[in-house]
Protein backbone atom coordinates (compact mmCIF):
# COMPACT_ATOMS: atom_id res chain seq x y z
CA UNK A 1 118.39 108.55 108.18
CA UNK A 2 118.23 106.26 105.34
CA UNK A 3 116.57 102.71 106.22
CA UNK A 4 117.62 100.44 103.26
CA UNK A 5 115.41 97.52 102.78
CA UNK A 6 116.22 95.45 99.84
CA UNK A 7 113.83 94.67 97.03
CA UNK A 8 110.87 96.21 99.24
CA UNK A 9 108.55 97.96 97.40
CA UNK A 10 107.45 101.46 98.14
CA UNK A 11 104.13 100.51 100.77
CA UNK A 12 106.63 98.51 102.69
CA UNK A 13 109.43 100.86 103.06
CA UNK A 14 106.60 103.63 104.03
CA UNK A 15 105.74 101.74 106.95
CA UNK A 16 108.97 100.59 107.56
CA UNK A 17 110.04 104.14 107.94
CA UNK A 18 106.61 105.36 109.74
CA UNK A 19 108.10 103.23 112.41
CA UNK A 20 111.59 104.96 112.97
CA UNK A 21 109.96 108.10 113.06
CA UNK A 22 108.00 110.22 116.25
CA UNK A 23 107.40 113.08 114.38
CA UNK A 24 103.66 114.25 114.39
CA UNK A 25 103.28 114.79 110.22
CA UNK A 26 105.18 112.35 107.88
CA UNK A 27 106.20 113.63 104.54
CA UNK A 28 105.89 111.41 100.88
CA UNK A 29 108.39 112.51 98.37
CA UNK A 30 109.41 111.07 95.47
CA UNK A 31 113.35 110.55 94.33
CA UNK A 32 112.25 112.25 91.33
CA UNK A 33 110.20 115.00 92.93
CA UNK A 34 112.06 118.50 93.89
CA UNK A 35 110.59 120.69 96.15
CA UNK A 36 110.19 124.20 95.64
CA UNK A 37 111.40 126.47 97.67
CA UNK A 38 108.89 127.24 100.54
CA UNK A 39 106.71 123.99 99.87
CA UNK A 40 107.62 122.24 103.22
CA UNK A 41 106.70 125.14 105.32
CA UNK A 42 103.29 125.74 103.09
CA UNK A 43 102.38 122.10 104.17
CA UNK A 44 103.49 122.86 108.01
CA UNK A 45 101.63 125.40 107.82
CA UNK A 46 98.37 124.31 106.61
CA UNK A 47 98.69 121.37 108.77
CA UNK A 48 98.97 123.64 112.15
CA UNK A 49 96.57 125.60 111.66
CA UNK A 50 94.20 122.66 111.13
CA UNK A 51 94.08 120.36 113.83
CA UNK A 52 91.51 118.12 111.64
CA UNK A 53 93.82 117.69 108.48
CA UNK A 54 95.14 114.39 108.24
CA UNK A 55 96.17 114.18 104.74
CA UNK A 56 97.38 116.30 101.64
CA UNK A 57 98.71 116.90 98.41
CA UNK A 58 101.09 119.23 97.14
CA UNK A 59 100.59 120.77 93.69
CA UNK A 60 103.02 119.29 90.84
CA UNK A 61 104.11 120.18 87.79
CA UNK A 62 105.20 117.38 85.60
CA UNK A 63 108.84 117.77 83.53
CA UNK A 64 109.92 115.32 81.18
CA UNK A 65 113.39 116.39 79.36
CA UNK A 66 114.51 117.86 76.70
CA UNK A 67 113.47 115.14 73.69
CA UNK A 68 110.88 115.46 71.06
CA UNK A 69 108.53 112.97 73.04
CA UNK A 70 109.38 114.69 76.56
CA UNK A 71 108.06 117.91 74.90
CA UNK A 72 105.32 116.52 73.53
CA UNK A 73 104.32 114.41 76.78
CA UNK A 74 105.30 117.80 78.94
CA UNK A 75 103.04 119.61 76.71
CA UNK A 76 99.80 117.71 77.16
CA UNK A 77 100.46 116.25 80.85
CA UNK A 78 101.09 119.90 81.98
CA UNK A 79 97.74 120.71 81.05
CA UNK A 80 96.05 117.41 82.17
CA UNK A 81 97.74 118.61 85.76
CA UNK A 82 96.12 121.67 86.15
CA UNK A 83 93.05 120.20 85.35
CA UNK A 84 93.63 117.22 87.83
CA UNK A 85 94.41 119.46 90.69
CA UNK A 86 92.15 121.96 90.38
CA UNK A 87 89.45 119.31 90.25
CA UNK A 88 90.97 118.08 93.43
CA UNK A 89 90.53 121.92 94.65
CA UNK A 90 87.05 121.49 93.73
CA UNK A 91 86.08 118.01 95.34
CA UNK A 92 88.19 119.44 98.65
CA UNK A 93 85.63 121.64 99.25
CA UNK A 94 82.87 118.77 99.44
CA UNK A 95 85.30 116.65 101.79
CA UNK A 96 85.35 114.51 99.03
CA UNK A 97 89.35 114.55 97.91
CA UNK A 98 90.17 110.66 97.47
CA UNK A 99 93.42 111.52 95.24
CA UNK A 100 96.23 112.42 96.88
CA UNK A 101 99.90 112.31 94.96
CA UNK A 102 102.27 110.32 97.16
CA UNK A 103 104.95 112.09 94.50
CA UNK A 104 104.45 115.06 97.12
CA UNK A 105 102.18 114.42 100.24
CA UNK A 106 101.98 115.04 103.98
CA UNK A 107 100.12 113.27 106.70
CA UNK A 108 99.20 112.82 110.15
CA UNK A 109 101.47 109.88 111.39
CA UNK A 110 98.88 108.98 114.25
CA UNK A 111 96.10 108.71 111.19
CA UNK A 112 98.02 106.65 109.18
CA UNK A 113 99.02 104.52 111.59
CA UNK A 114 95.39 104.05 113.39
CA UNK A 115 94.07 102.81 109.96
CA UNK A 116 96.82 100.05 109.58
CA UNK A 117 99.59 102.10 106.84
CA UNK A 118 100.02 101.80 103.70
CA UNK A 119 98.36 98.52 101.62
CA UNK A 120 101.11 96.91 99.91
CA UNK A 121 98.65 94.32 97.76
CA UNK A 122 97.38 97.94 95.87
CA UNK A 123 98.67 99.42 93.15
CA UNK A 124 98.05 103.11 93.81
CA UNK A 125 98.62 102.73 98.06
CA UNK A 126 98.70 106.42 98.57
CA UNK A 127 95.19 106.37 96.42
CA UNK A 128 93.45 103.07 98.43
CA UNK A 129 95.14 104.94 101.59
CA UNK A 130 92.80 108.38 101.38
CA UNK A 131 89.73 105.95 100.88
CA UNK A 132 90.33 104.23 104.45
CA UNK A 133 90.77 107.67 106.29
CA UNK A 134 87.23 108.88 105.37
CA UNK A 135 86.21 105.40 106.24
CA UNK A 136 87.68 105.78 109.85
CA UNK A 137 86.62 109.41 110.02
CA UNK A 138 83.17 108.20 109.35
CA UNK A 139 82.88 105.16 111.36
CA UNK A 140 83.96 107.02 114.12
CA UNK A 141 82.96 110.39 113.73
CA UNK A 142 86.05 111.93 113.62
CA UNK A 143 86.04 115.14 111.60
CA UNK A 144 89.16 114.50 109.92
CA UNK A 145 89.96 116.43 106.15
CA UNK A 146 92.02 115.84 103.47
CA UNK A 147 92.92 118.94 101.12
CA UNK A 148 95.29 120.00 98.51
CA UNK A 149 97.42 122.81 99.55
CA UNK A 150 98.03 125.40 96.54
CA UNK A 151 101.26 126.66 98.04
CA UNK A 152 103.02 123.78 98.65
CA UNK A 153 104.48 123.24 95.28
CA UNK A 154 106.78 120.58 93.34
CA UNK A 155 108.12 119.63 90.01
CA UNK A 156 108.43 115.95 88.94
CA UNK A 157 109.52 113.41 86.58
CA UNK A 158 106.48 112.43 84.14
CA UNK A 159 106.88 109.67 81.52
CA UNK A 160 109.13 111.48 78.07
CA UNK A 161 108.68 108.40 75.92
CA UNK A 162 105.35 106.41 75.01
CA UNK A 163 106.02 102.92 76.53
CA UNK A 164 107.02 104.64 79.41
CA UNK A 165 103.89 106.61 79.70
CA UNK A 166 101.76 103.34 78.62
CA UNK A 167 103.14 101.35 81.96
CA UNK A 168 102.06 104.66 83.46
CA UNK A 169 99.02 105.03 82.96
CA UNK A 170 98.38 100.88 82.93
CA UNK A 171 99.46 101.18 86.29
CA UNK A 172 97.44 103.76 87.25
CA UNK A 173 94.30 102.89 86.53
CA UNK A 174 94.55 99.47 87.72
CA UNK A 175 95.27 100.54 90.44
CA UNK A 176 92.15 102.67 90.24
CA UNK A 177 89.97 100.03 89.08
CA UNK A 178 91.23 97.67 92.06
CA UNK A 179 90.51 100.74 94.70
CA UNK A 180 86.84 101.39 93.44
CA UNK A 181 86.04 97.51 93.58
CA UNK A 182 87.58 97.42 97.21
CA UNK A 183 84.93 100.12 98.28
CA UNK A 184 82.01 99.22 96.10
CA UNK A 185 80.02 99.55 99.34
CA UNK A 186 80.69 103.36 99.26
CA UNK A 187 79.21 103.59 95.88
CA UNK A 188 75.93 105.97 96.68
CA UNK A 189 76.06 105.42 99.98
CA UNK A 190 74.80 108.34 101.91
CA UNK A 191 76.32 107.58 104.79
CA UNK A 192 79.57 108.79 103.41
CA UNK A 193 77.79 112.12 102.26
CA UNK A 194 79.13 113.45 98.75
CA UNK A 195 82.13 111.11 98.90
CA UNK A 196 79.61 108.35 98.89
CA UNK A 197 76.82 109.92 96.53
CA UNK A 198 78.93 112.52 94.20
CA UNK A 199 82.67 111.30 94.14
CA UNK A 200 81.92 107.58 94.19
CA UNK A 201 79.70 108.02 91.72
CA UNK A 202 81.61 110.07 89.06
CA UNK A 203 84.75 107.86 89.53
CA UNK A 204 82.12 104.68 88.56
CA UNK A 205 81.47 106.38 85.51
CA UNK A 206 85.45 106.98 84.74
CA UNK A 207 85.84 103.25 84.75
CA UNK A 208 84.07 103.16 81.66
CA UNK A 209 85.62 106.23 79.83
CA UNK A 210 88.36 104.63 78.25
CA UNK A 211 86.68 101.87 76.77
CA UNK A 212 84.08 104.36 75.32
CA UNK A 213 86.62 106.86 74.17
CA UNK A 214 88.25 104.37 72.32
CA UNK A 215 85.73 102.70 70.62
CA UNK A 216 83.76 105.98 69.75
CA UNK A 217 87.05 106.98 67.72
CA UNK A 218 87.52 103.47 66.11
CA UNK A 219 83.67 103.69 64.93
CA UNK A 220 84.21 107.34 63.64
CA UNK A 221 87.07 105.94 61.91
CA UNK A 222 85.44 102.82 60.48
CA UNK A 223 82.23 105.53 59.13
CA UNK A 224 84.93 107.66 57.36
CA UNK A 225 86.15 104.55 55.87
CA UNK A 226 83.21 102.44 54.33
CA UNK A 227 81.60 106.11 53.52
CA UNK A 228 78.90 106.50 55.89
CA UNK A 229 79.29 110.16 56.07
CA UNK A 230 75.50 110.45 56.86
CA UNK A 231 76.49 108.93 60.14
CA UNK A 232 80.11 110.69 60.58
CA UNK A 233 78.80 114.09 60.06
CA UNK A 234 76.83 114.40 63.15
CA UNK A 235 79.28 112.45 65.34
CA UNK A 236 81.73 115.29 64.28
CA UNK A 237 79.26 118.34 65.00
CA UNK A 238 79.11 116.45 68.44
CA UNK A 239 82.90 116.30 68.57
CA UNK A 240 83.39 119.81 67.82
CA UNK A 241 80.88 121.04 70.28
CA UNK A 242 82.82 119.31 72.53
CA UNK A 243 86.05 120.64 71.68
CA UNK A 244 84.36 124.14 72.19
CA UNK A 245 83.21 123.54 75.45
CA UNK A 246 86.75 122.24 76.52
CA UNK A 247 88.03 124.81 75.10
CA UNK A 248 85.85 127.42 77.44
CA UNK A 249 86.44 125.38 81.01
CA UNK A 250 90.37 125.31 79.86
CA UNK A 251 90.51 128.41 79.64
CA UNK A 252 88.74 129.24 82.64
CA UNK A 253 90.68 127.03 84.62
CA UNK A 254 94.11 128.39 83.43
CA UNK A 255 93.11 131.68 84.75
CA UNK A 256 92.12 130.24 88.24
CA UNK A 257 94.87 127.93 88.60
CA UNK A 258 97.48 130.72 87.98
CA UNK A 259 95.53 132.84 90.76
CA UNK A 260 95.43 129.63 93.17
CA UNK A 261 99.13 128.71 92.67
CA UNK A 262 100.41 132.18 92.02
CA UNK A 263 102.02 130.72 89.12
CA UNK A 264 102.26 132.73 85.55
CA UNK A 265 99.43 132.13 83.66
CA UNK A 266 100.01 129.78 80.62
CA UNK A 267 100.98 130.97 77.30
CA UNK A 268 97.32 131.38 75.24
CA UNK A 269 98.15 129.98 71.84
CA UNK A 270 99.94 126.67 73.09
CA UNK A 271 96.84 126.13 74.88
CA UNK A 272 94.75 126.72 72.13
CA UNK A 273 96.52 124.18 70.31
CA UNK A 274 96.10 121.81 72.97
CA UNK A 275 92.50 121.82 73.38
CA UNK A 276 91.97 121.13 69.30
CA UNK A 277 95.04 118.21 69.07
CA UNK A 278 94.06 116.57 72.37
CA UNK A 279 91.13 114.56 71.50
CA UNK A 280 93.19 113.15 68.73
CA UNK A 281 96.66 112.18 70.28
CA UNK A 282 96.96 112.58 73.96
CA UNK A 283 93.55 111.48 75.11
CA UNK A 284 93.85 108.43 72.97
CA UNK A 285 96.99 107.21 74.00
CA UNK A 286 95.85 108.03 78.04
CA UNK A 287 92.79 105.94 77.25
CA UNK A 288 94.67 103.15 75.45
CA UNK A 289 96.92 103.06 78.76
CA UNK A 290 93.58 102.51 80.66
CA UNK A 291 92.18 99.91 78.79
CA UNK A 292 95.93 98.15 79.35
CA UNK A 293 94.98 98.38 82.96
CA UNK A 294 91.42 97.04 82.64
CA UNK A 295 93.18 94.02 81.18
CA UNK A 296 95.72 93.95 83.77
CA UNK A 297 92.90 94.13 86.53
CA UNK A 298 91.00 91.56 85.13
CA UNK A 299 93.79 89.19 84.42
CA UNK A 300 94.57 89.65 88.84
CA UNK A 301 98.15 90.67 87.66
CA UNK A 302 100.36 93.01 89.46
CA UNK A 303 99.34 92.09 92.92
CA UNK A 304 101.97 93.32 95.64
CA UNK A 305 102.27 91.64 98.76
CA UNK A 306 100.92 93.36 101.79
CA UNK A 307 102.43 95.39 104.29
CA UNK A 308 100.97 97.47 107.08
CA UNK A 309 102.50 99.14 110.05
């Protein structure tokens, strides 16, 4: 059935749809997401095998199109998605996973309704919902689980141009800051277990990462321009050491990801090249979008109307 809601944002559309269904599971799939064969079955099997599972995300591969800029962004975002989903797998094993991709996710309907549905005031309603699911589980001593399902795979459209990429990252980061601020009482709070003492602490440091990253790069350029090589060389040595460390982690993660998802291993040469180019290209663009998100967050813009089940 189609539920037509003129001028409705995603959270309101999801909440209205949840009222119309009576199934145990609810899937959210973006219009630009194409599920692989067996993806739905893998999700259903995961929920069937674990009654405590209330939310799960599939593994997404970004597709950006055949244009030159599309190939550029797909190259870097492909490796970025691999690292991100492996990170989610690691946090899942600490029962601290927060990031569920609404582009392909599944939820127990009763759990969503219990915590009030998707929040239309948040720019990242899928991410914010998981915080409330964790809160409700801890407050009510429930053994609710949130997972990433490696067998449930899909391809999703990703930004193929610079303006689209910056807008996406602005919204993502502004919504991340918004959610982090709303849940600031969880930071370092051992009542929430590893979620409070580890995940939320790491996320707090992540709020400053783009500002630090762009400031460090700008300082390096300025020192080079004015000939302060006594300062530049130690910075370059540190950057090179970090790149080498990233290289080791990158190659290690590609192997783990291939075994976990069953996908073919990434080609070695493009992967190596991406590691050396990313700090001076894609990473700066990602930081720029995140700093724009800081501006939007501090300005209090982009708040959406609240919608609950």
